[in-house]
Amino acid sequence: MSKPKSRRLQKKLYLGEFTEYGFQLSCDLGLESEQDFSKLLDQFIALIESRDLVMAGGGDKTQFEAFIWSAHRYGSATQDDIKVISDWFKALPSVAKLQVSELVDANYGVSF
C-alpha cells in the first residue's frame, strides 16, 4: 500500500486540491481561406485571454482543435468558461460538429 503524498508533494505534482482543470474543443469549419481562419483564431484568442485562459491547439480552414485551461498557476477553467466558449462557437455560421469535453485534469487527464 502506498503512503499518502504530503501536501508539498501534491502541490508539486498538481494533485488533490492543486489539480488544474481544462477542457478540449474540436469542430469542423467551413471557411473560405486561411486568412479567414487566421481572423477566427485571433478573435478566439481575444475571447480566451479576456477570461484569463490559454490554449494549445490549432487547425486550418476546415477544422480546429484546442485544449483550454487557466492562465493562472493552480487555476482551472470553469463550467461557465465552457458555456461561454461553446456559445461563441455555436454562433458562428462556419462551425459544424462542435464537440466540447467536460472538465478534465489538465496534467494527467488529457490524451491527444
PDB file of N, CA and C in Angstrom:
ATOM      1  N   MET A   1       0.840  -1.172   0.000  1.00  0.00           N
ATOM      2  CA  MET A   1       0.000   0.000   0.000  1.00  0.00           C
ATOM      3  C   MET A   1       0.892   1.244   0.000  1.00  0.00           C
ATOM      4  N   SER A   2       0.573   2.205  -0.831  1.00  0.00           N
ATOM      5  CA  SER A   2       1.419   3.390  -0.911  1.00  0.00           C
ATOM      6  C   SER A   2       1.076   4.389   0.191  1.00  0.00           C
ATOM      7  N   LYS A   3       2.085   5.086   0.603  1.00  0.00           N
ATOM      8  CA  LYS A   3       1.951   6.106   1.647  1.00  0.00           C
ATOM      9  C   LYS A   3       1.266   7.343   1.058  1.00  0.00           C
ATOM     10  N   PRO A   4       0.356   8.000   1.784  1.00  0.00           N
ATOM     11  CA  PRO A   4      -0.275   9.223   1.266  1.00  0.00           C
ATOM     12  C   PRO A   4       0.785  10.296   0.961  1.00  0.00           C
ATOM     13  N   LYS A   5       0.564  11.023  -0.113  1.00  0.00           N
ATOM     14  CA  LYS A   5       1.511  12.065  -0.514  1.00  0.00           C
ATOM     15  C   LYS A   5       1.330  13.297   0.371  1.00  0.00           C
ATOM     16  N   SER A   6       2.447  13.907   0.734  1.00  0.00           N
ATOM     17  CA  SER A   6       2.395  15.120   1.548  1.00  0.00           C
ATOM     18  C   SER A   6       1.773  16.258   0.737  1.00  0.00           C
ATOM     19  N   ARG A   7       1.286  17.266   1.417  1.00  0.00           N
ATOM     20  CA  ARG A   7       0.691  18.430   0.750  1.00  0.00           C
ATOM     21  C   ARG A   7       1.710  19.083  -0.183  1.00  0.00           C
ATOM     22  N   ARG A   8       2.948  19.159   0.250  1.00  0.00           N
ATOM     23  CA  ARG A   8       4.016  19.749  -0.564  1.00  0.00           C
ATOM     24  C   ARG A   8       4.200  18.968  -1.867  1.00  0.00           C
ATOM     25  N   LEU A   9       4.204  17.639  -1.775  1.00  0.00           N
ATOM     26  CA  LEU A   9       4.361  16.808  -2.965  1.00  0.00           C
ATOM     27  C   LEU A   9       3.118  16.893  -3.855  1.00  0.00           C
ATOM     28  N   GLN A  10       1.940  16.952  -3.241  1.00  0.00           N
ATOM     29  CA  GLN A  10       0.718  17.118  -4.028  1.00  0.00           C
ATOM     30  C   GLN A  10       0.770  18.408  -4.843  1.00  0.00           C
ATOM     31  N   LYS A  11       1.286  19.464  -4.245  1.00  0.00           N
ATOM     32  CA  LYS A  11       1.391  20.750  -4.941  1.00  0.00           C
ATOM     33  C   LYS A  11       2.353  20.640  -6.115  1.00  0.00           C
ATOM     34  N   LYS A  12       3.495  20.016  -5.897  1.00  0.00           N
ATOM     35  CA  LYS A  12       4.481  19.868  -6.976  1.00  0.00           C
ATOM     36  C   LYS A  12       3.951  19.014  -8.126  1.00  0.00           C
ATOM     37  N   LEU A  13       3.110  18.028  -7.794  1.00  0.00           N
ATOM     38  CA  LEU A  13       2.589  17.103  -8.800  1.00  0.00           C
ATOM     39  C   LEU A  13       1.202  17.487  -9.320  1.00  0.00           C
ATOM     40  N   TYR A  14       0.675  18.631  -8.866  1.00  0.00           N
ATOM     41  CA  TYR A  14      -0.657  19.102  -9.284  1.00  0.00           C
ATOM     42  C   TYR A  14      -1.730  18.060  -8.965  1.00  0.00           C
ATOM     43  N   LEU A  15      -1.716  17.564  -7.742  1.00  0.00           N
ATOM     44  CA  LEU A  15      -2.683  16.564  -7.294  1.00  0.00           C
ATOM     45  C   LEU A  15      -3.595  17.152  -6.221  1.00  0.00           C
ATOM     46  N   GLY A  16      -4.686  16.446  -5.941  1.00  0.00           N
ATOM     47  CA  GLY A  16      -5.593  16.863  -4.872  1.00  0.00           C
ATOM     48  C   GLY A  16      -6.129  18.264  -5.085  1.00  0.00           C
ATOM     49  N   GLU A  17      -6.014  19.088  -4.053  1.00  0.00           N
ATOM     50  CA  GLU A  17      -6.532  20.460  -4.135  1.00  0.00           C
ATOM     51  C   GLU A  17      -5.783  21.313  -5.158  1.00  0.00           C
ATOM     52  N   PHE A  18      -4.645  20.836  -5.660  1.00  0.00           N
ATOM     53  CA  PHE A  18      -3.834  21.597  -6.615  1.00  0.00           C
ATOM     54  C   PHE A  18      -4.060  21.154  -8.066  1.00  0.00           C
ATOM     55  N   THR A  19      -5.013  20.266  -8.284  1.00  0.00           N
ATOM     56  CA  THR A  19      -5.322  19.806  -9.631  1.00  0.00           C
ATOM     57  C   THR A  19      -5.830  20.978 -10.468  1.00  0.00           C
ATOM     58  N   GLU A  20      -5.340  21.074 -11.690  1.00  0.00           N
ATOM     59  CA  GLU A  20      -5.792  22.100 -12.633  1.00  0.00           C
ATOM     60  C   GLU A  20      -6.695  21.433 -13.667  1.00  0.00           C
ATOM     61  N   TYR A  21      -7.825  22.073 -13.972  1.00  0.00           N
ATOM     62  CA  TYR A  21      -8.778  21.502 -14.916  1.00  0.00           C
ATOM     63  C   TYR A  21      -8.888  22.365 -16.167  1.00  0.00           C
ATOM     64  N   GLY A  22      -9.092  21.692 -17.282  1.00  0.00           N
ATOM     65  CA  GLY A  22      -9.305  22.348 -18.559  1.00  0.00           C
ATOM     66  C   GLY A  22     -10.267  21.511 -19.383  1.00  0.00           C
ATOM     67  N   PHE A  23     -10.463  21.896 -20.640  1.00  0.00           N
ATOM     68  CA  PHE A  23     -11.378  21.142 -21.497  1.00  0.00           C
ATOM     69  C   PHE A  23     -10.904  21.168 -22.938  1.00  0.00           C
ATOM     70  N   GLN A  24     -11.333  20.138 -23.672  1.00  0.00           N
ATOM     71  CA  GLN A  24     -10.989  20.018 -25.081  1.00  0.00           C
ATOM     72  C   GLN A  24     -12.155  20.495 -25.932  1.00  0.00           C
ATOM     73  N   LEU A  25     -11.809  21.040 -27.094  1.00  0.00           N
ATOM     74  CA  LEU A  25     -12.803  21.550 -28.026  1.00  0.00           C
ATOM     75  C   LEU A  25     -12.361  21.160 -29.426  1.00  0.00           C
ATOM     76  N   SER A  26     -13.282  20.725 -30.256  1.00  0.00           N
ATOM     77  CA  SER A  26     -12.970  20.470 -31.660  1.00  0.00           C
ATOM     78  C   SER A  26     -14.204  20.781 -32.498  1.00  0.00           C
ATOM     79  N   CYS A  27     -13.966  21.179 -33.735  1.00  0.00           N
ATOM     80  CA  CYS A  27     -15.078  21.463 -34.637  1.00  0.00           C
ATOM     81  C   CYS A  27     -14.594  21.417 -36.076  1.00  0.00           C
ATOM     82  N   ASP A  28     -15.551  21.231 -36.965  1.00  0.00           N
ATOM     83  CA  ASP A  28     -15.292  21.358 -38.388  1.00  0.00           C
ATOM     84  C   ASP A  28     -15.613  22.790 -38.781  1.00  0.00           C
ATOM     85  N   LEU A  29     -14.820  23.324 -39.695  1.00  0.00           N
ATOM     86  CA  LEU A  29     -15.015  24.698 -40.151  1.00  0.00           C
ATOM     87  C   LEU A  29     -15.292  24.717 -41.647  1.00  0.00           C
ATOM     88  N   GLY A  30     -16.070  25.658 -42.069  1.00  0.00           N
ATOM     89  CA  GLY A  30     -16.356  25.849 -43.485  1.00  0.00           C
ATOM     90  C   GLY A  30     -15.906  27.228 -43.925  1.00  0.00           C
ATOM     91  N   LEU A  31     -14.633  27.515 -43.726  1.00  0.00           N
ATOM     92  CA  LEU A  31     -14.101  28.837 -44.072  1.00  0.00           C
ATOM     93  C   LEU A  31     -13.580  28.840 -45.501  1.00  0.00           C
ATOM     94  N   GLU A  32     -13.556  30.011 -46.102  1.00  0.00           N
ATOM     95  CA  GLU A  32     -13.127  30.158 -47.491  1.00  0.00           C
ATOM     96  C   GLU A  32     -11.609  30.127 -47.662  1.00  0.00           C
ATOM     97  N   SER A  33     -10.878  30.666 -46.690  1.00  0.00           N
ATOM     98  CA  SER A  33      -9.429  30.805 -46.871  1.00  0.00           C
ATOM     99  C   SER A  33      -8.698  30.704 -45.537  1.00  0.00           C
ATOM    100  N   GLU A  34      -7.401  30.581 -45.630  1.00  0.00           N
ATOM    101  CA  GLU A  34      -6.559  30.566 -44.431  1.00  0.00           C
ATOM    102  C   GLU A  34      -6.599  31.931 -43.733  1.00  0.00           C
ATOM    103  N   GLN A  35      -6.804  33.006 -44.491  1.00  0.00           N
ATOM    104  CA  GLN A  35      -6.934  34.334 -43.886  1.00  0.00           C
ATOM    105  C   GLN A  35      -8.183  34.394 -43.000  1.00  0.00           C
ATOM    106  N   ASP A  36      -9.265  33.764 -43.452  1.00  0.00           N
ATOM    107  CA  ASP A  36     -10.476  33.698 -42.627  1.00  0.00           C
ATOM    108  C   ASP A  36     -10.203  32.926 -41.340  1.00  0.00           C
ATOM    109  N   PHE A  37      -9.435  31.831 -41.455  1.00  0.00           N
ATOM    110  CA  PHE A  37      -9.082  31.059 -40.262  1.00  0.00           C
ATOM    111  C   PHE A  37      -8.228  31.898 -39.322  1.00  0.00           C
ATOM    112  N   SER A  38      -7.295  32.647 -39.867  1.00  0.00           N
ATOM    113  CA  SER A  38      -6.434  33.495 -39.043  1.00  0.00           C
ATOM    114  C   SER A  38      -7.261  34.533 -38.277  1.00  0.00           C
ATOM    115  N   LYS A  39      -8.253  35.124 -38.937  1.00  0.00           N
ATOM    116  CA  LYS A  39      -9.135  36.091 -38.269  1.00  0.00           C
ATOM    117  C   LYS A  39      -9.938  35.415 -37.160  1.00  0.00           C
ATOM    118  N   LEU A  40     -10.475  34.228 -37.456  1.00  0.00           N
ATOM    119  CA  LEU A  40     -11.236  33.486 -36.453  1.00  0.00           C
ATOM    120  C   LEU A  40     -10.358  33.158 -35.250  1.00  0.00           C
ATOM    121  N   LEU A  41      -9.139  32.716 -35.508  1.00  0.00           N
ATOM    122  CA  LEU A  41      -8.216  32.371 -34.428  1.00  0.00           C
ATOM    123  C   LEU A  41      -7.878  33.601 -33.588  1.00  0.00           C
ATOM    124  N   ASP A  42      -7.647  34.741 -34.227  1.00  0.00           N
ATOM    125  CA  ASP A  42      -7.369  35.978 -33.484  1.00  0.00           C
ATOM    126  C   ASP A  42      -8.544  36.355 -32.575  1.00  0.00           C
ATOM    127  N   GLN A  43      -9.766  36.226 -33.087  1.00  0.00           N
ATOM    128  CA  GLN A  43     -10.955  36.536 -32.284  1.00  0.00           C
ATOM    129  C   GLN A  43     -11.099  35.554 -31.122  1.00  0.00           C
ATOM    130  N   PHE A  44     -10.818  34.276 -31.390  1.00  0.00           N
ATOM    131  CA  PHE A  44     -10.907  33.258 -30.342  1.00  0.00           C
ATOM    132  C   PHE A  44      -9.869  33.508 -29.255  1.00  0.00           C
ATOM    133  N   ILE A  45      -8.655  33.836 -29.647  1.00  0.00           N
ATOM    134  CA  ILE A  45      -7.600  34.123 -28.668  1.00  0.00           C
ATOM    135  C   ILE A  45      -7.987  35.332 -27.820  1.00  0.00           C
ATOM    136  N   ALA A  46      -8.551  36.360 -28.438  1.00  0.00           N
ATOM    137  CA  ALA A  46      -9.004  37.531 -27.670  1.00  0.00           C
ATOM    138  C   ALA A  46     -10.067  37.124 -26.648  1.00  0.00           C
ATOM    139  N   LEU A  47     -10.975  36.230 -27.040  1.00  0.00           N
ATOM    140  CA  LEU A  47     -12.016  35.761 -26.120  1.00  0.00           C
ATOM    141  C   LEU A  47     -11.408  35.010 -24.940  1.00  0.00           C
ATOM    142  N   ILE A  48     -10.530  34.051 -25.205  1.00  0.00           N
ATOM    143  CA  ILE A  48      -9.998  33.261 -24.090  1.00  0.00           C
ATOM    144  C   ILE A  48      -9.076  34.096 -23.205  1.00  0.00           C
ATOM    145  N   GLU A  49      -8.325  35.019 -23.794  1.00  0.00           N
ATOM    146  CA  GLU A  49      -7.474  35.882 -22.970  1.00  0.00           C
ATOM    147  C   GLU A  49      -8.315  36.790 -22.073  1.00  0.00           C
ATOM    148  N   SER A  50      -9.473  37.223 -22.554  1.00  0.00           N
ATOM    149  CA  SER A  50     -10.346  38.073 -21.734  1.00  0.00           C
ATOM    150  C   SER A  50     -10.892  37.309 -20.525  1.00  0.00           C
ATOM    151  N   ARG A  51     -10.868  35.988 -20.595  1.00  0.00           N
ATOM    152  CA  ARG A  51     -11.340  35.138 -19.497  1.00  0.00           C
ATOM    153  C   ARG A  51     -10.170  34.543 -18.710  1.00  0.00           C
ATOM    154  N   ASP A  52      -8.964  35.055 -18.915  1.00  0.00           N
ATOM    155  CA  ASP A  52      -7.749  34.565 -18.248  1.00  0.00           C
ATOM    156  C   ASP A  52      -7.516  33.082 -18.508  1.00  0.00           C
ATOM    157  N   LEU A  53      -7.692  32.690 -19.767  1.00  0.00           N
ATOM    158  CA  LEU A  53      -7.451  31.320 -20.193  1.00  0.00           C
ATOM    159  C   LEU A  53      -6.350  31.299 -21.239  1.00  0.00           C
ATOM    160  N   VAL A  54      -5.771  30.125 -21.443  1.00  0.00           N
ATOM    161  CA  VAL A  54      -4.792  29.902 -22.506  1.00  0.00           C
ATOM    162  C   VAL A  54      -5.205  28.644 -23.254  1.00  0.00           C
ATOM    163  N   MET A  55      -4.587  28.410 -24.410  1.00  0.00           N
ATOM    164  CA  MET A  55      -4.933  27.223 -25.179  1.00  0.00           C
ATOM    165  C   MET A  55      -3.727  26.669 -25.901  1.00  0.00           C
ATOM    166  N   ALA A  56      -3.815  25.384 -26.197  1.00  0.00           N
ATOM    167  CA  ALA A  56      -2.853  24.716 -27.070  1.00  0.00           C
ATOM    168  C   ALA A  56      -3.685  24.042 -28.144  1.00  0.00           C
ATOM    169  N   GLY A  57      -3.278  24.196 -29.366  1.00  0.00           N
ATOM    170  CA  GLY A  57      -4.035  23.571 -30.443  1.00  0.00           C
ATOM    171  C   GLY A  57      -3.863  24.333 -31.732  1.00  0.00           C
ATOM    172  N   GLY A  58      -4.750  24.080 -32.654  1.00  0.00           N
ATOM    173  CA  GLY A  58      -4.683  24.754 -33.931  1.00  0.00           C
ATOM    174  C   GLY A  58      -5.568  24.071 -34.946  1.00  0.00           C
ATOM    175  N   GLY A  59      -5.354  24.415 -36.184  1.00  0.00           N
ATOM    176  CA  GLY A  59      -6.154  23.839 -37.246  1.00  0.00           C
ATOM    177  C   GLY A  59      -5.918  24.554 -38.555  1.00  0.00           C
ATOM    178  N   ASP A  60      -6.926  24.520 -39.391  1.00  0.00           N
ATOM    179  CA  ASP A  60      -6.872  25.197 -40.681  1.00  0.00           C
ATOM    180  C   ASP A  60      -8.298  25.604 -41.053  1.00  0.00           C
ATOM    181  N   LYS A  61      -8.522  25.944 -42.308  1.00  0.00           N
ATOM    182  CA  LYS A  61      -9.841  26.447 -42.693  1.00  0.00           C
ATOM    183  C   LYS A  61     -10.941  25.382 -42.637  1.00  0.00           C
ATOM    184  N   THR A  62     -10.559  24.101 -42.441  1.00  0.00           N
ATOM    185  CA  THR A  62     -11.553  23.025 -42.415  1.00  0.00           C
ATOM    186  C   THR A  62     -11.817  22.438 -41.030  1.00  0.00           C
ATOM    187  N   GLN A  63     -10.889  22.619 -40.082  1.00  0.00           N
ATOM    188  CA  GLN A  63     -11.079  22.042 -38.750  1.00  0.00           C
ATOM    189  C   GLN A  63     -10.245  22.782 -37.722  1.00  0.00           C
ATOM    190  N   PHE A  64     -10.650  22.638 -36.447  1.00  0.00           N
ATOM    191  CA  PHE A  64      -9.949  23.292 -35.348  1.00  0.00           C
ATOM    192  C   PHE A  64     -10.052  22.415 -34.113  1.00  0.00           C
ATOM    193  N   GLU A  65      -8.944  22.299 -33.371  1.00  0.00           N
ATOM    194  CA  GLU A  65      -8.910  21.554 -32.115  1.00  0.00           C
ATOM    195  C   GLU A  65      -8.092  22.342 -31.113  1.00  0.00           C
ATOM    196  N   ALA A  66      -8.513  22.314 -29.847  1.00  0.00           N
ATOM    197  CA  ALA A  66      -7.766  23.038 -28.813  1.00  0.00           C
ATOM    198  C   ALA A  66      -8.028  22.421 -27.447  1.00  0.00           C
ATOM    199  N   PHE A  67      -7.058  22.602 -26.561  1.00  0.00           N
ATOM    200  CA  PHE A  67      -7.243  22.321 -25.140  1.00  0.00           C
ATOM    201  C   PHE A  67      -7.116  23.660 -24.441  1.00  0.00           C
ATOM    202  N   ILE A  68      -8.069  23.969 -23.569  1.00  0.00           N
ATOM    203  CA  ILE A  68      -8.151  25.289 -22.940  1.00  0.00           C
ATOM    204  C   ILE A  68      -8.089  25.116 -21.428  1.00  0.00           C
ATOM    205  N   TRP A  69      -7.268  25.936 -20.772  1.00  0.00           N
ATOM    206  CA  TRP A  69      -7.140  25.883 -19.315  1.00  0.00           C
ATOM    207  C   TRP A  69      -6.795  27.262 -18.787  1.00  0.00           C
ATOM    208  N   SER A  70      -6.710  27.394 -17.478  1.00  0.00           N
ATOM    209  CA  SER A  70      -6.466  28.689 -16.835  1.00  0.00           C
ATOM    210  C   SER A  70      -5.053  29.186 -17.103  1.00  0.00           C
ATOM    211  N   ALA A  71      -4.926  30.498 -17.210  1.00  0.00           N
ATOM    212  CA  ALA A  71      -3.611  31.114 -17.373  1.00  0.00           C
ATOM    213  C   ALA A  71      -2.884  31.231 -16.038  1.00  0.00           C
ATOM    214  N   HIS A  72      -3.581  30.939 -14.944  1.00  0.00           N
ATOM    215  CA  HIS A  72      -3.003  31.091 -13.610  1.00  0.00           C
ATOM    216  C   HIS A  72      -2.568  29.746 -13.044  1.00  0.00           C
ATOM    217  N   ARG A  73      -1.425  29.730 -12.394  1.00  0.00           N
ATOM    218  CA  ARG A  73      -0.945  28.507 -11.765  1.00  0.00           C
ATOM    219  C   ARG A  73      -1.946  28.068 -10.704  1.00  0.00           C
ATOM    220  N   TYR A  74      -2.265  26.807 -10.703  1.00  0.00           N
ATOM    221  CA  TYR A  74      -3.248  26.184  -9.812  1.00  0.00           C
ATOM    222  C   TYR A  74      -4.662  26.710 -10.050  1.00  0.00           C
ATOM    223  N   GLY A  75      -4.877  27.360 -11.175  1.00  0.00           N
ATOM    224  CA  GLY A  75      -6.215  27.799 -11.548  1.00  0.00           C
ATOM    225  C   GLY A  75      -6.837  26.785 -12.489  1.00  0.00           C
ATOM    226  N   SER A  76      -8.115  26.903 -12.707  1.00  0.00           N
ATOM    227  CA  SER A  76      -8.823  25.971 -13.578  1.00  0.00           C
ATOM    228  C   SER A  76      -9.846  26.709 -14.425  1.00  0.00           C
ATOM    229  N   ALA A  77     -10.131  26.126 -15.584  1.00  0.00           N
ATOM    230  CA  ALA A  77     -11.272  26.581 -16.365  1.00  0.00           C
ATOM    231  C   ALA A  77     -12.527  26.186 -15.589  1.00  0.00           C
ATOM    232  N   THR A  78     -13.638  26.832 -15.892  1.00  0.00           N
ATOM    233  CA  THR A  78     -14.888  26.574 -15.172  1.00  0.00           C
ATOM    234  C   THR A  78     -15.987  26.135 -16.140  1.00  0.00           C
ATOM    235  N   GLN A  79     -17.094  25.676 -15.574  1.00  0.00           N
ATOM    236  CA  GLN A  79     -18.260  25.341 -16.396  1.00  0.00           C
ATOM    237  C   GLN A  79     -18.751  26.579 -17.143  1.00  0.00           C
ATOM    238  N   ASP A  80     -18.644  27.746 -16.524  1.00  0.00           N
ATOM    239  CA  ASP A  80     -19.040  28.988 -17.182  1.00  0.00           C
ATOM    240  C   ASP A  80     -18.150  29.260 -18.395  1.00  0.00           C
ATOM    241  N   ASP A  81     -16.843  28.990 -18.271  1.00  0.00           N
ATOM    242  CA  ASP A  81     -15.936  29.149 -19.411  1.00  0.00           C
ATOM    243  C   ASP A  81     -16.362  28.234 -20.558  1.00  0.00           C
ATOM    244  N   ILE A  82     -16.704  26.996 -20.235  1.00  0.00           N
ATOM    245  CA  ILE A  82     -17.150  26.050 -21.264  1.00  0.00           C
ATOM    246  C   ILE A  82     -18.392  26.594 -21.965  1.00  0.00           C
ATOM    247  N   LYS A  83     -19.347  27.095 -21.200  1.00  0.00           N
ATOM    248  CA  LYS A  83     -20.588  27.607 -21.786  1.00  0.00           C
ATOM    249  C   LYS A  83     -20.335  28.817 -22.677  1.00  0.00           C
ATOM    250  N   VAL A  84     -19.555  29.773 -22.191  1.00  0.00           N
ATOM    251  CA  VAL A  84     -19.289  30.987 -22.972  1.00  0.00           C
ATOM    252  C   VAL A  84     -18.578  30.641 -24.281  1.00  0.00           C
ATOM    253  N   ILE A  85     -17.571  29.799 -24.210  1.00  0.00           N
ATOM    254  CA  ILE A  85     -16.809  29.451 -25.412  1.00  0.00           C
ATOM    255  C   ILE A  85     -17.651  28.602 -26.363  1.00  0.00           C
ATOM    256  N   SER A  86     -18.416  27.666 -25.836  1.00  0.00           N
ATOM    257  CA  SER A  86     -19.314  26.860 -26.682  1.00  0.00           C
ATOM    258  C   SER A  86     -20.327  27.751 -27.393  1.00  0.00           C
ATOM    259  N   ASP A  87     -20.942  28.658 -26.653  1.00  0.00           N
ATOM    260  CA  ASP A  87     -21.928  29.566 -27.247  1.00  0.00           C
ATOM    261  C   ASP A  87     -21.295  30.440 -28.321  1.00  0.00           C
ATOM    262  N   TRP A  88     -20.049  30.870 -28.098  1.00  0.00           N
ATOM    263  CA  TRP A  88     -19.356  31.698 -29.082  1.00  0.00           C
ATOM    264  C   TRP A  88     -19.173  30.920 -30.387  1.00  0.00           C
ATOM    265  N   PHE A  89     -18.737  29.665 -30.281  1.00  0.00           N
ATOM    266  CA  PHE A  89     -18.557  28.848 -31.488  1.00  0.00           C
ATOM    267  C   PHE A  89     -19.893  28.531 -32.151  1.00  0.00           C
ATOM    268  N   LYS A  90     -20.926  28.239 -31.363  1.00  0.00           N
ATOM    269  CA  LYS A  90     -22.241  27.915 -31.930  1.00  0.00           C
ATOM    270  C   LYS A  90     -22.832  29.088 -32.702  1.00  0.00           C
ATOM    271  N   ALA A  91     -22.457  30.304 -32.344  1.00  0.00           N
ATOM    272  CA  ALA A  91     -22.981  31.496 -33.023  1.00  0.00           C
ATOM    273  C   ALA A  91     -22.313  31.741 -34.377  1.00  0.00           C
ATOM    274  N   LEU A  92     -21.227  31.036 -34.661  1.00  0.00           N
ATOM    275  CA  LEU A  92     -20.519  31.229 -35.928  1.00  0.00           C
ATOM    276  C   LEU A  92     -21.144  30.358 -37.011  1.00  0.00           C
ATOM    277  N   PRO A  93     -21.535  30.945 -38.146  1.00  0.00           N
ATOM    278  CA  PRO A  93     -22.172  30.152 -39.205  1.00  0.00           C
ATOM    279  C   PRO A  93     -21.226  29.149 -39.867  1.00  0.00           C
ATOM    280  N   SER A  94     -19.928  29.353 -39.749  1.00  0.00           N
ATOM    281  CA  SER A  94     -18.964  28.467 -40.404  1.00  0.00           C
ATOM    282  C   SER A  94     -18.612  27.235 -39.574  1.00  0.00           C
ATOM    283  N   VAL A  95     -19.182  27.097 -38.373  1.00  0.00           N
ATOM    284  CA  VAL A  95     -18.830  25.999 -37.470  1.00  0.00           C
ATOM    285  C   VAL A  95     -19.849  24.864 -37.571  1.00  0.00           C
ATOM    286  N   ALA A  96     -19.325  23.636 -37.697  1.00  0.00           N
ATOM    287  CA  ALA A  96     -20.160  22.431 -37.701  1.00  0.00           C
ATOM    288  C   ALA A  96     -19.518  21.391 -36.791  1.00  0.00           C
ATOM    289  N   LYS A  97     -20.312  20.476 -36.309  1.00  0.00           N
ATOM    290  CA  LYS A  97     -19.829  19.357 -35.481  1.00  0.00           C
ATOM    291  C   LYS A  97     -18.985  19.818 -34.295  1.00  0.00           C
ATOM    292  N   LEU A  98     -19.480  20.783 -33.559  1.00  0.00           N
ATOM    293  CA  LEU A  98     -18.768  21.265 -32.376  1.00  0.00           C
ATOM    294  C   LEU A  98     -18.822  20.207 -31.284  1.00  0.00           C
ATOM    295  N   GLN A  99     -17.657  19.855 -30.747  1.00  0.00           N
ATOM    296  CA  GLN A  99     -17.560  18.915 -29.635  1.00  0.00           C
ATOM    297  C   GLN A  99     -16.752  19.569 -28.531  1.00  0.00           C
ATOM    298  N   VAL A 100     -17.320  19.590 -27.330  1.00  0.00           N
ATOM    299  CA  VAL A 100     -16.653  20.188 -26.176  1.00  0.00           C
ATOM    300  C   VAL A 100     -16.708  19.175 -25.041  1.00  0.00           C
ATOM    301  N   SER A 101     -15.549  18.891 -24.451  1.00  0.00           N
ATOM    302  CA  SER A 101     -15.495  17.912 -23.363  1.00  0.00           C
ATOM    303  C   SER A 101     -15.922  18.540 -22.045  1.00  0.00           C
ATOM    304  N   GLU A 102     -16.115  17.700 -21.066  1.00  0.00           N
ATOM    305  CA  GLU A 102     -16.278  18.153 -19.690  1.00  0.00           C
ATOM    306  C   GLU A 102     -14.898  18.562 -19.183  1.00  0.00           C
ATOM    307  N   LEU A 103     -14.835  19.127 -17.999  1.00  0.00           N
ATOM    308  CA  LEU A 103     -13.549  19.475 -17.404  1.00  0.00           C
ATOM    309  C   LEU A 103     -12.759  18.203 -17.114  1.00  0.00           C
ATOM    310  N   VAL A 104     -11.474  18.220 -17.473  1.00  0.00           N
ATOM    311  CA  VAL A 104     -10.579  17.093 -17.220  1.00  0.00           C
ATOM    312  C   VAL A 104      -9.306  17.618 -16.571  1.00  0.00           C
ATOM    313  N   ASP A 105      -8.591  16.740 -15.903  1.00  0.00           N
ATOM    314  CA  ASP A 105      -7.315  17.080 -15.284  1.00  0.00           C
ATOM    315  C   ASP A 105      -6.351  17.523 -16.384  1.00  0.00           C
ATOM    316  N   ALA A 106      -5.901  18.765 -16.322  1.00  0.00           N
ATOM    317  CA  ALA A 106      -5.057  19.334 -17.372  1.00  0.00           C
ATOM    318  C   ALA A 106      -3.663  18.714 -17.418  1.00  0.00           C
ATOM    319  N   ASN A 107      -3.227  18.083 -16.347  1.00  0.00           N
ATOM    320  CA  ASN A 107      -1.891  17.496 -16.323  1.00  0.00           C
ATOM    321  C   ASN A 107      -1.889  15.992 -16.548  1.00  0.00           C
ATOM    322  N   TYR A 108      -2.925  15.308 -16.116  1.00  0.00           N
ATOM    323  CA  TYR A 108      -2.926  13.852 -16.192  1.00  0.00           C
ATOM    324  C   TYR A 108      -4.112  13.266 -16.939  1.00  0.00           C
ATOM    325  N   GLY A 109      -5.070  14.080 -17.337  1.00  0.00           N
ATOM    326  CA  GLY A 109      -6.284  13.547 -17.945  1.00  0.00           C
ATOM    327  C   GLY A 109      -6.453  13.864 -19.410  1.00  0.00           C
ATOM    328  N   VAL A 110      -5.412  14.347 -20.071  1.00  0.00           N
ATOM    329  CA  VAL A 110      -5.519  14.768 -21.462  1.00  0.00           C
ATOM    330  C   VAL A 110      -4.776  13.779 -22.343  1.00  0.00           C
ATOM    331  N   SER A 111      -5.443  13.323 -23.401  1.00  0.00           N
ATOM    332  CA  SER A 111      -4.762  12.482 -24.389  1.00  0.00           C
ATOM    333  C   SER A 111      -5.060  13.046 -25.770  1.00  0.00           C
ATOM    334  N   PHE A 112      -4.036  13.305 -26.514  1.00  0.00           N
ATOM    335  CA  PHE A 112      -4.207  13.891 -27.847  1.00  0.00           C
ATOM    336  C   PHE A 112      -4.051  12.840 -28.907  1.00  0.00           C
TER     337      PHE A 112
END
